[in-house]
N, C-alpha and C. Protein backbone atom coordinates (compact mmCIF):
# COMPACT_ATOMS: atom_id res chain seq x y z
N UNK A 1 0.83 -1.27 0.11
CA UNK A 1 -0.18 -0.03 0.00
C UNK A 1 0.84 1.26 0.03
N UNK A 2 0.39 2.15 -0.56
CA UNK A 2 1.05 3.42 -0.81
C UNK A 2 0.20 4.37 -0.02
N UNK A 3 0.82 5.47 0.53
CA UNK A 3 0.02 6.22 1.65
C UNK A 3 0.60 7.76 1.16
N UNK A 4 -0.49 8.82 0.96
CA UNK A 4 -0.16 10.20 0.56
C UNK A 4 -0.82 11.00 1.35
N UNK A 5 -0.62 12.17 1.83
CA UNK A 5 -1.15 13.05 2.48
C UNK A 5 -1.64 14.05 1.50
N UNK A 6 -2.88 14.46 1.35
CA UNK A 6 -3.32 15.57 0.76
C UNK A 6 -3.95 16.77 1.41
N UNK A 7 -3.44 17.56 1.07
CA UNK A 7 -3.72 19.06 1.78
C UNK A 7 -4.80 19.88 0.95
N UNK A 8 -5.80 20.50 1.69
CA UNK A 8 -7.00 21.16 0.78
C UNK A 8 -6.85 22.72 1.48
N UNK A 9 -7.04 23.70 0.73
CA UNK A 9 -7.15 24.97 1.60
C UNK A 9 -8.88 25.40 1.06
N UNK A 10 -8.79 26.44 1.42
CA UNK A 10 -10.46 26.80 1.35
C UNK A 10 -11.39 25.98 1.77
N UNK A 11 -11.28 25.38 2.90
CA UNK A 11 -12.06 24.58 3.73
C UNK A 11 -12.69 25.07 4.90
N UNK A 12 -13.68 25.59 4.79
CA UNK A 12 -14.46 26.10 5.98
C UNK A 12 -15.10 25.60 6.85
N UNK A 13 -15.78 24.38 6.16
CA UNK A 13 -16.95 23.49 7.17
C UNK A 13 -16.84 22.23 6.66
N UNK A 14 -17.30 21.38 7.69
CA UNK A 14 -17.67 19.99 7.08
C UNK A 14 -18.28 19.60 5.57
N UNK A 15 -19.01 20.57 5.32
CA UNK A 15 -19.71 20.03 3.79
C UNK A 15 -18.30 20.66 2.69
N UNK A 16 -17.53 21.21 2.84
CA UNK A 16 -16.36 21.36 2.07
C UNK A 16 -15.36 20.10 2.14
N UNK A 17 -15.26 19.67 3.41
CA UNK A 17 -14.48 18.52 3.64
C UNK A 17 -15.00 17.01 3.18
N UNK A 18 -16.63 17.12 3.23
CA UNK A 18 -17.27 16.18 2.33
C UNK A 18 -16.96 16.02 1.04
N UNK A 19 -17.06 17.07 0.24
CA UNK A 19 -16.89 17.41 -1.21
C UNK A 19 -15.80 17.03 -1.60
N UNK A 20 -14.61 17.36 -0.73
CA UNK A 20 -13.04 16.81 -1.37
C UNK A 20 -13.07 15.46 -1.10
N UNK A 21 -13.68 14.90 0.01
CA UNK A 21 -13.49 13.45 0.21
C UNK A 21 -14.09 12.70 -0.90
N UNK A 22 -15.27 13.15 -1.04
CA UNK A 22 -16.06 12.50 -2.15
C UNK A 22 -15.43 12.52 -3.34
N UNK A 23 -14.90 13.38 -3.94
CA UNK A 23 -13.91 13.47 -4.90
C UNK A 23 -12.94 12.57 -5.08
N UNK A 24 -12.13 12.57 -3.80
CA UNK A 24 -10.98 11.72 -3.69
C UNK A 24 -11.37 10.12 -3.64
N UNK A 25 -12.28 9.99 -3.18
CA UNK A 25 -12.94 8.45 -3.28
C UNK A 25 -13.55 7.89 -4.64
N UNK A 26 -14.13 8.98 -5.43
CA UNK A 26 -14.58 8.42 -6.56
C UNK A 26 -13.67 8.41 -7.73
N UNK A 27 -12.44 9.05 -7.38
CA UNK A 27 -11.51 8.74 -8.36
C UNK A 27 -10.09 7.63 -7.81
N UNK A 28 -10.56 7.05 -7.01
CA UNK A 28 -10.15 5.63 -6.39
C UNK A 28 -9.18 6.02 -5.31
N UNK A 29 -9.03 7.10 -4.64
CA UNK A 29 -8.46 7.09 -3.26
C UNK A 29 -9.14 6.33 -2.16
N UNK A 30 -8.42 5.51 -1.44
CA UNK A 30 -9.07 5.19 -0.08
C UNK A 30 -8.57 5.79 0.95
N UNK A 31 -9.55 6.69 1.65
CA UNK A 31 -9.39 7.50 2.85
C UNK A 31 -9.12 6.91 4.04
N UNK A 32 -8.03 7.15 4.78
CA UNK A 32 -7.85 6.38 5.93
C UNK A 32 -7.82 7.34 7.17
N UNK A 33 -7.80 8.68 6.85
CA UNK A 33 -7.84 9.62 8.01
C UNK A 33 -8.20 11.10 7.23
N UNK A 34 -9.02 11.72 8.09
CA UNK A 34 -9.46 12.98 7.90
C UNK A 34 -9.31 14.01 8.97
N UNK A 35 -8.83 15.26 8.64
CA UNK A 35 -8.54 16.23 9.67
C UNK A 35 -9.00 17.53 9.20
N UNK A 36 -9.95 18.06 9.74
CA UNK A 36 -10.22 19.60 9.26
C UNK A 36 -9.94 20.66 10.60
N UNK A 37 -9.09 21.50 9.90
CA UNK A 37 -8.79 22.70 10.73
C UNK A 37 -9.57 23.77 10.31
N UNK A 38 -11.01 24.12 10.80
CA UNK A 38 -11.77 25.09 10.32
C UNK A 38 -11.07 26.58 10.33
N UNK A 39 -10.31 26.89 11.70
CA UNK A 39 -9.75 28.19 12.03
C UNK A 39 -8.89 28.45 10.61
N UNK A 40 -8.14 27.53 10.18
CA UNK A 40 -7.16 27.50 9.15
C UNK A 40 -7.64 27.61 7.70
N UNK A 41 -8.90 26.92 7.75
CA UNK A 41 -9.38 26.77 6.29
C UNK A 41 -8.74 25.60 5.72
N UNK A 42 -8.41 24.66 6.43
CA UNK A 42 -7.35 23.72 5.68
C UNK A 42 -8.20 22.33 6.31
N UNK A 43 -8.05 21.38 5.24
CA UNK A 43 -8.25 19.86 5.43
C UNK A 43 -7.22 19.03 5.18
N UNK A 44 -7.00 17.84 5.69
CA UNK A 44 -6.07 17.02 5.28
C UNK A 44 -6.63 15.33 5.45
N UNK A 45 -6.50 14.85 4.09
CA UNK A 45 -6.70 13.78 3.84
C UNK A 45 -5.63 12.63 3.61
N UNK A 46 -5.71 11.66 4.36
CA UNK A 46 -4.79 10.42 4.19
C UNK A 46 -5.34 9.89 3.46
N UNK A 47 -4.46 9.24 2.13
CA UNK A 47 -4.98 8.27 1.30
C UNK A 47 -4.19 7.34 1.04
N UNK A 48 -4.50 6.23 0.71
CA UNK A 48 -3.68 4.88 0.35
C UNK A 48 -4.41 4.34 -1.01
N UNK A 49 -3.33 3.74 -1.44
CA UNK A 49 -3.51 3.30 -2.98
C UNK A 49 -2.56 1.87 -3.00
N UNK A 50 -3.32 0.95 -3.58
CA UNK A 50 -2.89 -0.38 -3.97
C UNK A 50 -1.43 -0.42 -4.52
N UNK A 51 -1.21 0.40 -5.61
CA UNK A 51 -0.08 0.31 -6.28
C UNK A 51 0.20 1.68 -6.94
N UNK A 52 1.47 1.87 -7.49
CA UNK A 52 1.78 3.09 -8.31
C UNK A 52 1.01 3.49 -9.45
N UNK A 53 0.52 2.36 -10.15
CA UNK A 53 -0.05 2.54 -11.25
C UNK A 53 -1.70 3.01 -10.70
N UNK A 54 -2.10 2.50 -9.56
CA UNK A 54 -3.54 3.20 -9.05
C UNK A 54 -3.30 4.36 -8.55
N UNK A 55 -2.06 4.76 -7.96
CA UNK A 55 -2.02 6.26 -7.68
C UNK A 55 -1.96 6.92 -9.12
N UNK A 56 -1.28 6.58 -9.99
CA UNK A 56 -1.29 7.45 -11.44
C UNK A 56 -2.56 7.64 -11.80
N UNK A 57 -3.27 6.68 -11.83
CA UNK A 57 -4.80 6.72 -12.28
C UNK A 57 -5.79 7.59 -11.59
N UNK A 58 -5.24 7.63 -10.12
CA UNK A 58 -6.21 8.66 -9.48
C UNK A 58 -5.91 10.02 -9.89
N UNK A 59 -4.46 10.29 -9.71
CA UNK A 59 -4.28 12.00 -10.34
C UNK A 59 -4.70 12.00 -11.51
N UNK A 60 -5.00 11.08 -12.52
CA UNK A 60 -5.33 11.59 -14.09
C UNK A 60 -6.73 11.83 -13.66
N UNK A 61 -7.79 11.31 -12.89
CA UNK A 61 -8.92 11.38 -13.00
C UNK A 61 -9.19 12.65 -11.83
N UNK A 62 -8.65 12.79 -10.82
CA UNK A 62 -8.70 13.85 -9.88
C UNK A 62 -8.59 15.17 -10.44
N UNK A 63 -7.50 15.27 -11.38
CA UNK A 63 -6.99 16.67 -12.03
C UNK A 63 -8.25 16.99 -12.77
N UNK A 64 -9.27 16.24 -12.99
CA UNK A 64 -10.64 16.61 -13.48
C UNK A 64 -11.67 17.21 -12.85
N UNK A 65 -11.38 17.11 -11.56
CA UNK A 65 -12.65 17.67 -10.36
C UNK A 65 -12.32 18.65 -10.01
N UNK A 66 -13.71 18.96 -9.40
CA UNK A 66 -13.78 20.57 -8.94
C UNK A 66 -13.04 20.86 -7.49
N UNK A 67 -12.58 19.54 -7.12
CA UNK A 67 -11.69 19.75 -5.63
C UNK A 67 -10.35 19.87 -6.24
N UNK A 68 -9.67 19.78 -7.29
CA UNK A 68 -8.03 19.39 -7.56
C UNK A 68 -7.66 20.83 -7.34
N UNK A 69 -8.19 22.02 -7.72
CA UNK A 69 -7.60 23.51 -7.78
C UNK A 69 -6.89 23.85 -6.07
N UNK A 70 -8.13 23.12 -5.54
CA UNK A 70 -7.54 23.61 -3.77
C UNK A 70 -6.79 22.42 -3.12
N UNK A 71 -6.24 21.50 -3.87
CA UNK A 71 -5.25 20.43 -3.59
C UNK A 71 -3.68 20.82 -3.83
N UNK A 72 -2.92 20.78 -2.49
CA UNK A 72 -1.69 21.25 -3.19
C UNK A 72 -0.75 19.88 -2.39
């Protein structure tokens, strides 16, 4: 398993976190941890992938989501 931490900005409430997590999941990321820092408007998602090719496929799909511009 490959693990990666995704950082998102412009996250003001649980609804934003849910939207980001939904896009990550739909693109093939398996979320194992979620952390919301509402005061800083940031969210952190720890994601795992079964292989490097799964991670690459995730990024190709994820780049096309509305959440991608907020991820660094």
